[in-house]
C-alpha atoms as a PDB file:
ATOM      1  CA  MET A   1     -13.960  -4.295  14.149  1.00  0.00           C
ATOM      2  CA  LYS A   2     -14.820  -3.896  10.458  1.00  0.00           C
ATOM      3  CA  ILE A   3     -11.699  -3.373   8.333  1.00  0.00           C
ATOM      4  CA  ILE A   4     -11.860  -2.225   4.734  1.00  0.00           C
ATOM      5  CA  ALA A   5      -8.589  -2.821   2.906  1.00  0.00           C
ATOM      6  CA  PHE A   6      -7.554  -2.147  -0.648  1.00  0.00           C
ATOM      7  CA  GLY A   7      -4.589  -1.688  -2.901  1.00  0.00           C
ATOM      8  CA  ALA A   8      -4.979   1.494  -4.938  1.00  0.00           C
ATOM      9  CA  SER A   9      -4.250  -0.312  -8.202  1.00  0.00           C
ATOM     10  CA  PRO A  10      -6.458  -1.988 -10.807  1.00  0.00           C
ATOM     11  CA  SER A  11      -3.913  -4.754 -11.454  1.00  0.00           C
ATOM     12  CA  LYS A  12      -5.341  -8.250 -11.042  1.00  0.00           C
ATOM     13  CA  ASN A  13      -2.006  -9.167  -9.420  1.00  0.00           C
ATOM     14  CA  SER A  14      -1.609  -5.939  -7.472  1.00  0.00           C
ATOM     15  CA  ILE A  15       1.282  -6.101  -5.040  1.00  0.00           C
ATOM     16  CA  ASN A  16      -0.376  -3.313  -3.054  1.00  0.00           C
ATOM     17  CA  LYS A  17      -3.564  -5.354  -2.736  1.00  0.00           C
ATOM     18  CA  LYS A  18      -1.439  -8.288  -1.520  1.00  0.00           C
ATOM     19  CA  LEU A  19       0.244  -6.083   1.077  1.00  0.00           C
ATOM     20  CA  ALA A  20      -3.089  -4.620   2.223  1.00  0.00           C
ATOM     21  CA  THR A  21      -4.628  -8.108   2.455  1.00  0.00           C
ATOM     22  CA  TYR A  22      -1.711  -9.439   4.500  1.00  0.00           C
ATOM     23  CA  THR A  23      -1.790  -6.409   6.770  1.00  0.00           C
ATOM     24  CA  ALA A  24      -5.532  -6.803   7.391  1.00  0.00           C
ATOM     25  CA  SER A  25      -4.935 -10.429   8.409  1.00  0.00           C
ATOM     26  CA  LEU A  26      -2.711  -9.223  11.262  1.00  0.00           C
ATOM     27  CA  PHE A  27      -5.607  -7.584  13.096  1.00  0.00           C
ATOM     28  CA  GLU A  28      -7.067  -9.869  15.734  1.00  0.00           C
ATOM     29  CA  ASN A  29     -10.829 -10.358  15.524  1.00  0.00           C
ATOM     30  CA  GLY A  30     -11.052  -8.173  12.440  1.00  0.00           C
ATOM     31  CA  ASP A  31     -13.998  -8.531  10.092  1.00  0.00           C
ATOM     32  CA  VAL A  32     -12.038  -7.875   6.896  1.00  0.00           C
ATOM     33  CA  GLU A  33     -13.335  -6.894   3.488  1.00  0.00           C
ATOM     34  CA  VAL A  34     -10.776  -6.427   0.732  1.00  0.00           C
ATOM     35  CA  LEU A  35     -11.970  -4.203  -2.083  1.00  0.00           C
ATOM     36  CA  ASP A  36     -10.944  -4.572  -5.716  1.00  0.00           C
ATOM     37  CA  LEU A  37     -10.811  -1.277  -7.608  1.00  0.00           C
ATOM     38  CA  ASN A  38     -12.020  -3.116 -10.715  1.00  0.00           C
ATOM     39  CA  ASP A  39     -15.420  -3.421  -9.035  1.00  0.00           C
ATOM     40  CA  PHE A  40     -15.697   0.389  -9.138  1.00  0.00           C
ATOM     41  CA  GLU A  41     -14.907   1.127 -12.790  1.00  0.00           C
ATOM     42  CA  MET A  42     -16.317   4.368 -14.146  1.00  0.00           C
ATOM     43  CA  PRO A  43     -15.732   6.572 -17.153  1.00  0.00           C
ATOM     44  CA  VAL A  44     -12.869   9.008 -16.769  1.00  0.00           C
ATOM     45  CA  PHE A  45     -14.258  11.816 -14.646  1.00  0.00           C
ATOM     46  CA  SER A  46     -15.173  15.075 -16.309  1.00  0.00           C
ATOM     47  CA  VAL A  47     -17.757  17.690 -15.449  1.00  0.00           C
ATOM     48  CA  ASP A  48     -19.322  17.082 -18.866  1.00  0.00           C
ATOM     49  CA  ILE A  49     -19.905  13.386 -18.136  1.00  0.00           C
ATOM     50  CA  GLU A  50     -21.089  14.233 -14.630  1.00  0.00           C
ATOM     51  CA  ALA A  51     -23.611  16.709 -16.098  1.00  0.00           C
ATOM     52  CA  GLU A  52     -24.820  14.026 -18.478  1.00  0.00           C
ATOM     53  CA  ILE A  53     -25.124  11.042 -16.106  1.00  0.00           C
ATOM     54  CA  GLY A  54     -25.046  12.568 -12.621  1.00  0.00           C
ATOM     55  CA  GLN A  55     -23.361  10.929  -9.651  1.00  0.00           C
ATOM     56  CA  HIS A  56     -22.045   7.527 -10.670  1.00  0.00           C
ATOM     57  CA  ASP A  57     -23.485   4.518  -8.810  1.00  0.00           C
ATOM     58  CA  ASN A  58     -20.010   2.995  -8.393  1.00  0.00           C
ATOM     59  CA  ALA A  59     -18.793   6.122  -6.626  1.00  0.00           C
ATOM     60  CA  LYS A  60     -21.785   5.885  -4.306  1.00  0.00           C
ATOM     61  CA  ALA A  61     -20.999   2.194  -3.735  1.00  0.00           C
ATOM     62  CA  PHE A  62     -17.347   2.947  -2.913  1.00  0.00           C
ATOM     63  CA  LEU A  63     -18.354   5.611  -0.395  1.00  0.00           C
ATOM     64  CA  ALA A  64     -20.894   3.206   1.118  1.00  0.00           C
ATOM     65  CA  LYS A  65     -18.141   0.610   1.621  1.00  0.00           C
ATOM     66  CA  ILE A  66     -15.932   3.189   3.353  1.00  0.00           C
ATOM     67  CA  ALA A  67     -18.888   4.124   5.574  1.00  0.00           C
ATOM     68  CA  THR A  68     -19.090   0.536   6.880  1.00  0.00           C
ATOM     69  CA  ALA A  69     -15.481   0.566   8.076  1.00  0.00           C
ATOM     70  CA  ASP A  70     -14.158   1.047  11.565  1.00  0.00           C
ATOM     71  CA  PHE A  71     -10.623   1.074  10.149  1.00  0.00           C
ATOM     72  CA  LEU A  72      -9.085   1.518   6.692  1.00  0.00           C
ATOM     73  CA  ILE A  73      -5.962  -0.111   5.294  1.00  0.00           C
ATOM     74  CA  VAL A  74      -4.921   1.584   2.068  1.00  0.00           C
ATOM     75  CA  SER A  75      -1.817   0.609   0.115  1.00  0.00           C
ATOM     76  CA  MET A  76      -0.975   3.070  -2.623  1.00  0.00           C
ATOM     77  CA  ALA A  77       0.377   1.964  -5.978  1.00  0.00           C
ATOM     78  CA  GLU A  78       2.861   4.373  -7.474  1.00  0.00           C
ATOM     79  CA  ASN A  79       2.477   5.081 -11.187  1.00  0.00           C
ATOM     80  CA  ASN A  80       5.031   7.566 -12.489  1.00  0.00           C
ATOM     81  CA  GLY A  81       5.383   9.085  -9.033  1.00  0.00           C
ATOM     82  CA  ASN A  82       1.684   9.519  -8.353  1.00  0.00           C
ATOM     83  CA  TYR A  83      -1.635   7.722  -7.770  1.00  0.00           C
ATOM     84  CA  SER A  84      -2.750   5.082 -10.247  1.00  0.00           C
ATOM     85  CA  ALA A  85      -5.223   6.454 -12.790  1.00  0.00           C
ATOM     86  CA  ALA A  86      -7.868   3.983 -11.598  1.00  0.00           C
ATOM     87  CA  PHE A  87      -7.646   5.136  -7.977  1.00  0.00           C
ATOM     88  CA  LYS A  88      -7.543   8.815  -8.964  1.00  0.00           C
ATOM     89  CA  ASN A  89     -10.656   8.369 -11.088  1.00  0.00           C
ATOM     90  CA  ILE A  90     -12.611   6.717  -8.256  1.00  0.00           C
ATOM     91  CA  PHE A  91     -11.372   9.411  -5.897  1.00  0.00           C
ATOM     92  CA  ASP A  92     -12.424  12.199  -8.294  1.00  0.00           C
ATOM     93  CA  TRP A  93     -15.937  10.788  -8.731  1.00  0.00           C
ATOM     94  CA  CYS A  94     -16.311  10.287  -4.973  1.00  0.00           C
ATOM     95  CA  THR A  95     -15.212  13.803  -4.040  1.00  0.00           C
ATOM     96  CA  ARG A  96     -18.026  15.202  -6.182  1.00  0.00           C
ATOM     97  CA  ILE A  97     -20.488  13.393  -3.926  1.00  0.00           C
ATOM     98  CA  GLN A  98     -18.713  13.815  -0.601  1.00  0.00           C
ATOM     99  CA  LYS A  99     -15.463  15.738  -0.104  1.00  0.00           C
ATOM    100  CA  GLU A 100     -14.546  13.647   2.941  1.00  0.00           C
ATOM    101  CA  VAL A 101     -14.125  10.426   0.998  1.00  0.00           C
ATOM    102  CA  PHE A 102     -12.425   8.710   3.947  1.00  0.00           C
ATOM    103  CA  GLN A 103     -15.140   9.847   6.376  1.00  0.00           C
ATOM    104  CA  GLN A 104     -12.812  10.459   9.356  1.00  0.00           C
ATOM    105  CA  LYS A 105     -12.008   6.744   9.538  1.00  0.00           C
ATOM    106  CA  PRO A 106      -8.691   5.818  11.156  1.00  0.00           C
ATOM    107  CA  MET A 107      -6.277   4.634   8.482  1.00  0.00           C
ATOM    108  CA  LEU A 108      -3.047   2.743   8.070  1.00  0.00           C
ATOM    109  CA  LEU A 109      -1.591   4.229   4.889  1.00  0.00           C
ATOM    110  CA  MET A 110       0.979   2.136   3.051  1.00  0.00           C
ATOM    111  CA  ALA A 111       2.771   1.652  -0.234  1.00  0.00           C
ATOM    112  CA  THR A 112       5.013  -0.916  -1.849  1.00  0.00           C
ATOM    113  CA  SER A 113       6.808  -1.239  -5.144  1.00  0.00           C
ATOM    114  CA  PRO A 114       9.353  -3.505  -6.805  1.00  0.00           C
ATOM    115  CA  GLY A 115      11.935  -0.718  -6.357  1.00  0.00           C
ATOM    116  CA  GLY A 116      14.027   0.329  -3.429  1.00  0.00           C
ATOM    117  CA  ARG A 117      11.922   3.361  -2.498  1.00  0.00           C
ATOM    118  CA  GLY A 118       8.780   1.308  -1.834  1.00  0.00           C
ATOM    119  CA  GLY A 119       6.366   3.841  -3.301  1.00  0.00           C
ATOM    120  CA  ALA A 120       7.765   6.613  -1.095  1.00  0.00           C
ATOM    121  CA  THR A 121       6.733   9.388  -3.471  1.00  0.00           C
ATOM    122  CA  VAL A 122       3.066   8.420  -3.705  1.00  0.00           C
ATOM    123  CA  LEU A 123       2.993   7.653   0.015  1.00  0.00           C
ATOM    124  CA  GLU A 124       4.134  11.212   0.789  1.00  0.00           C
ATOM    125  CA  ILE A 125       1.606  12.685  -1.633  1.00  0.00           C
ATOM    126  CA  ALA A 126      -1.228  10.683  -0.068  1.00  0.00           C
ATOM    127  CA  LYS A 127      -0.043  11.395   3.486  1.00  0.00           C
ATOM    128  CA  SER A 128      -0.170  15.106   2.726  1.00  0.00           C
ATOM    129  CA  ALA A 129      -3.451  15.126   0.785  1.00  0.00           C
ATOM    130  CA  PHE A 130      -5.697  12.507   2.391  1.00  0.00           C
ATOM    131  CA  PRO A 131      -6.371  14.359   5.669  1.00  0.00           C
ATOM    132  CA  ARG A 132      -8.058  17.096   3.606  1.00  0.00           C
ATOM    133  CA  TYR A 133     -10.435  14.385   2.419  1.00  0.00           C
ATOM    134  CA  GLY A 134     -11.339  12.951   5.806  1.00  0.00           C
ATOM    135  CA  ALA A 135      -8.486  10.498   6.440  1.00  0.00           C
ATOM    136  CA  ASP A 136      -7.368  10.052  10.027  1.00  0.00           C
ATOM    137  CA  ILE A 137      -3.925   8.628   9.286  1.00  0.00           C
ATOM    138  CA  LYS A 138      -2.695   6.763  12.345  1.00  0.00           C
ATOM    139  CA  ALA A 139       0.478   5.296  10.813  1.00  0.00           C
ATOM    140  CA  THR A 140       2.319   4.850   7.534  1.00  0.00           C
ATOM    141  CA  PHE A 141       4.390   1.966   6.226  1.00  0.00           C
ATOM    142  CA  SER A 142       6.492   1.431   3.126  1.00  0.00           C
ATOM    143  CA  LEU A 143       7.747  -1.938   1.888  1.00  0.00           C
ATOM    144  CA  PRO A 144      10.606  -1.548  -0.604  1.00  0.00           C
ATOM    145  CA  ASN A 145      11.698  -4.225  -3.062  1.00  0.00           C
ATOM    146  CA  PHE A 146       8.413  -6.118  -2.867  1.00  0.00           C
ATOM    147  CA  ASN A 147       9.671  -9.128  -4.814  1.00  0.00           C
ATOM    148  CA  ASP A 148      12.569  -9.607  -2.391  1.00  0.00           C
ATOM    149  CA  ASN A 149      10.653  -8.878   0.822  1.00  0.00           C
ATOM    150  CA  PHE A 150       7.256 -10.538   0.308  1.00  0.00           C
ATOM    151  CA  ASP A 151       6.573 -14.270  -0.053  1.00  0.00           C
ATOM    152  CA  ILE A 152       3.656 -14.538  -2.492  1.00  0.00           C
ATOM    153  CA  ASP A 153       3.148 -18.262  -1.795  1.00  0.00           C
ATOM    154  CA  LYS A 154       2.739 -17.639   1.930  1.00  0.00           C
ATOM    155  CA  MET A 155       1.120 -14.213   1.362  1.00  0.00           C
ATOM    156  CA  GLN A 156       3.273 -12.522   3.987  1.00  0.00           C
ATOM    157  CA  ILE A 157       6.267 -10.265   4.394  1.00  0.00           C
ATOM    158  CA  SER A 158       9.348 -12.481   4.327  1.00  0.00           C
ATOM    159  CA  ASN A 159      11.845  -9.894   5.599  1.00  0.00           C
ATOM    160  CA  LEU A 160      11.647 -10.167   9.396  1.00  0.00           C
ATOM    161  CA  ASP A 161      12.750  -6.576  10.012  1.00  0.00           C
ATOM    162  CA  PHE A 162       9.984  -5.150   7.805  1.00  0.00           C
ATOM    163  CA  ASP A 163       7.453  -7.638   9.152  1.00  0.00           C
ATOM    164  CA  ASN A 164       8.277  -6.700  12.738  1.00  0.00           C
ATOM    165  CA  GLU A 165       8.115  -2.993  11.871  1.00  0.00           C
ATOM    166  CA  LEU A 166       4.619  -3.443  10.441  1.00  0.00           C
ATOM    167  CA  LYS A 167       3.466  -5.558  13.383  1.00  0.00           C
ATOM    168  CA  GLN A 168       4.772  -2.945  15.849  1.00  0.00           C
ATOM    169  CA  LYS A 169       2.830  -0.232  14.035  1.00  0.00           C
ATOM    170  CA  ILE A 170      -0.335  -2.323  14.177  1.00  0.00           C
ATOM    171  CA  LYS A 171       0.236  -3.052  17.856  1.00  0.00           C
ATOM    172  CA  SER A 172       0.547   0.675  18.567  1.00  0.00           C
ATOM    173  CA  LEU A 173      -2.821   1.354  16.932  1.00  0.00           C
END
């Protein structure tokens, strides 16, 4: 099974990318590819730029990566209660090419943050919006207090309750 995973943040040390990477490692016999949003940089979307340059090659490349997936693991970064600007920009460019960005792929939708809500606001926004863009959300997961509940050295969730919750969700998929 081909798994595409990414953290919806451009941070080089993205905690959401770490969570997505760990989660992907829990799938047995998964052929995992972890995307870095920095590989899909584009100018800030506007219809004026689109008229000038057309469909951006990086948007096409992002959609092509999604097309290769059998399963998506997406961990949303929360910036001021919403998507990161980098993710939103990629998303905006992609929807101009293909409205169903997520191409009806089954998805585990997640979020984490250093705070106690674990990206709950952005997770709810994405959970509500993504199905309109071709996401088949099979489960959601939020990891609060990332720095207290994730061991960066071992690259895994250190809180057994949260780790077991995530593993049960994966098992039910």
